[in-house]
Amino acid sequence: MQEVVATIIAWLVLLLGISYTVQATLWAELARDALRYPHQYFPMVMLILVIGLTVVTLHNVWVADWPVVITAFGWIMVVKSMTYLLAPQLMTVFVSWFEASLALWIRIAGLLLAALGGALVYLNSVSG
């Protein structure tokens, strides 16, 4: 089951990274919209929470090797989702740091995520 979870998260990171890079303006508008209307995003946040909890339950691997990245992504999903559900106003503080160039920062994050996702997909394929 750990291999399945690792494969899914690796591809998710790669594809989200590509989407962030290609559609940075759209993702920036989504972030701004989520700040204006946080209640509309609760179903999506709940889905991310379930995915994160699935990862940390089925792939809670703490080793000095690449699989720890998958576990870290699971925990990041859980923490971010719980923060949004319990205190969505905290997300306003985070976005305000990058507001002037939010699309640029999303594009940069997308490039980093795509590179990391590509590496994870590759590492997962050669180790599996």
Protein backbone atom coordinates (compact mmCIF):
# COMPACT_ATOMS: atom_id res chain seq x y z
CA MET A 1 0.00 0.00 0.00
CA GLN A 2 2.92 2.35 0.70
CA GLU A 3 4.03 2.07 -2.93
CA VAL A 4 0.57 3.00 -4.19
CA VAL A 5 0.40 6.04 -1.91
CA ALA A 6 3.92 7.11 -2.93
CA THR A 7 3.06 6.77 -6.63
CA ILE A 8 -0.15 8.78 -6.31
CA ILE A 9 1.48 11.59 -4.31
CA ALA A 10 4.50 11.72 -6.64
CA TRP A 11 2.24 12.15 -9.68
CA LEU A 12 0.03 14.63 -7.81
CA VAL A 13 3.05 16.80 -6.95
CA LEU A 14 4.31 16.66 -10.54
CA LEU A 15 0.94 17.51 -12.11
CA LEU A 16 0.13 20.26 -9.61
CA GLY A 17 3.57 21.74 -10.21
CA ILE A 18 2.93 21.83 -13.95
CA SER A 19 -0.51 23.36 -13.39
CA TYR A 20 0.88 26.03 -11.04
CA THR A 21 3.51 26.90 -13.65
CA VAL A 22 1.14 27.06 -16.62
CA GLN A 23 -1.90 28.53 -14.83
CA ALA A 24 -0.28 30.71 -12.15
CA THR A 25 -2.73 33.59 -12.67
CA LEU A 26 -5.71 31.27 -12.25
CA TRP A 27 -4.26 29.76 -9.07
CA ALA A 28 -3.55 33.27 -7.70
CA GLU A 29 -7.19 34.23 -8.31
CA LEU A 30 -8.31 31.01 -6.60
CA ALA A 31 -6.20 31.93 -3.55
CA ARG A 32 -7.68 35.44 -3.44
CA ASP A 33 -11.19 34.06 -3.85
CA ALA A 34 -10.62 31.57 -1.01
CA LEU A 35 -9.70 34.48 1.24
CA ARG A 36 -12.85 36.39 0.32
CA TYR A 37 -15.19 33.37 0.63
CA PRO A 38 -13.50 30.75 2.84
CA HIS A 39 -16.71 28.77 3.45
CA GLN A 40 -16.95 27.89 -0.24
CA TYR A 41 -13.64 26.05 -0.06
CA PHE A 42 -14.39 23.86 2.96
CA PRO A 43 -15.34 20.81 0.81
CA MET A 44 -12.05 21.04 -1.10
CA VAL A 45 -10.13 21.50 2.16
CA MET A 46 -11.89 18.45 3.64
CA LEU A 47 -10.83 16.40 0.59
CA ILE A 48 -7.22 17.55 1.02
CA LEU A 49 -7.45 16.66 4.72
CA VAL A 50 -8.66 13.14 3.87
CA ILE A 51 -5.85 12.68 1.34
CA GLY A 52 -3.28 13.93 3.86
CA LEU A 53 -4.61 11.66 6.60
CA THR A 54 -4.52 8.73 4.17
CA VAL A 55 -0.89 9.45 3.38
CA VAL A 56 0.20 9.78 7.02
CA THR A 57 -1.75 6.65 7.95
CA LEU A 58 -0.59 4.40 5.11
CA HIS A 59 2.81 5.94 4.37
CA ASN A 60 4.19 7.22 7.68
CA VAL A 61 7.80 6.52 6.66
CA TRP A 62 10.57 8.41 8.46
CA VAL A 63 13.83 7.36 6.83
CA ALA A 64 16.83 9.25 5.53
CA ASP A 65 15.76 8.63 1.93
CA TRP A 66 13.31 9.97 -0.66
CA PRO A 67 10.13 8.26 0.73
CA VAL A 68 10.19 10.70 3.68
CA VAL A 69 9.21 13.43 1.19
CA ILE A 70 5.88 11.66 0.58
CA THR A 71 5.24 11.51 4.34
CA ALA A 72 6.16 15.19 4.67
CA PHE A 73 3.65 16.11 1.95
CA GLY A 74 0.98 14.17 3.83
CA TRP A 75 1.69 16.06 7.04
CA ILE A 76 1.75 19.38 5.17
CA MET A 77 -1.70 18.59 3.75
CA VAL A 78 -3.04 17.75 7.21
CA VAL A 79 -1.58 20.85 8.91
CA LYS A 80 -2.62 23.23 6.13
CA SER A 81 -6.16 21.80 6.01
CA MET A 82 -6.59 22.00 9.76
CA THR A 83 -5.27 25.57 9.79
CA TYR A 84 -7.76 26.54 7.08
CA LEU A 85 -10.66 24.81 8.85
CA LEU A 86 -9.86 26.20 12.32
CA ALA A 87 -8.51 29.65 11.47
CA PRO A 88 -8.93 30.64 7.80
CA GLN A 89 -7.92 34.21 8.68
CA LEU A 90 -4.34 32.95 9.16
CA MET A 91 -4.21 32.23 5.44
CA THR A 92 -4.76 35.97 4.85
CA VAL A 93 -1.51 36.74 6.64
CA PHE A 94 0.40 34.24 4.52
CA VAL A 95 -1.03 35.45 1.21
CA SER A 96 -0.49 39.11 2.15
CA TRP A 97 3.28 38.49 2.26
CA PHE A 98 3.19 37.65 -1.46
CA GLU A 99 0.15 39.64 -2.64
CA ALA A 100 1.99 42.02 -4.97
CA SER A 101 3.48 39.18 -7.00
CA LEU A 102 1.32 36.20 -6.02
CA ALA A 103 1.18 34.74 -9.55
CA LEU A 104 4.97 34.93 -9.85
CA TRP A 105 5.46 33.14 -6.52
CA ILE A 106 2.93 30.48 -7.54
CA ARG A 107 4.80 29.98 -10.83
CA ILE A 108 8.12 29.64 -8.96
CA ALA A 109 6.53 27.15 -6.54
CA GLY A 110 5.12 25.31 -9.54
CA LEU A 111 8.55 24.93 -11.12
CA LEU A 112 9.96 23.62 -7.84
CA LEU A 113 7.02 21.24 -7.34
CA ALA A 114 7.24 19.97 -10.92
CA ALA A 115 10.96 19.27 -10.51
CA LEU A 116 10.40 17.56 -7.15
CA GLY A 117 7.42 15.62 -8.51
CA GLY A 118 9.41 14.49 -11.54
CA ALA A 119 12.21 13.30 -9.27
CA LEU A 120 9.73 11.48 -7.02
CA VAL A 121 8.03 9.79 -9.98
CA TYR A 122 11.44 8.69 -11.27
CA LEU A 123 12.72 7.49 -7.88
CA ASN A 124 9.47 5.66 -7.20
CA SER A 125 9.63 3.92 -10.58
CA VAL A 126 13.23 2.73 -10.18
CA SER A 127 12.76 1.55 -6.61
CA GLY A 128 9.46 -0.22 -7.21
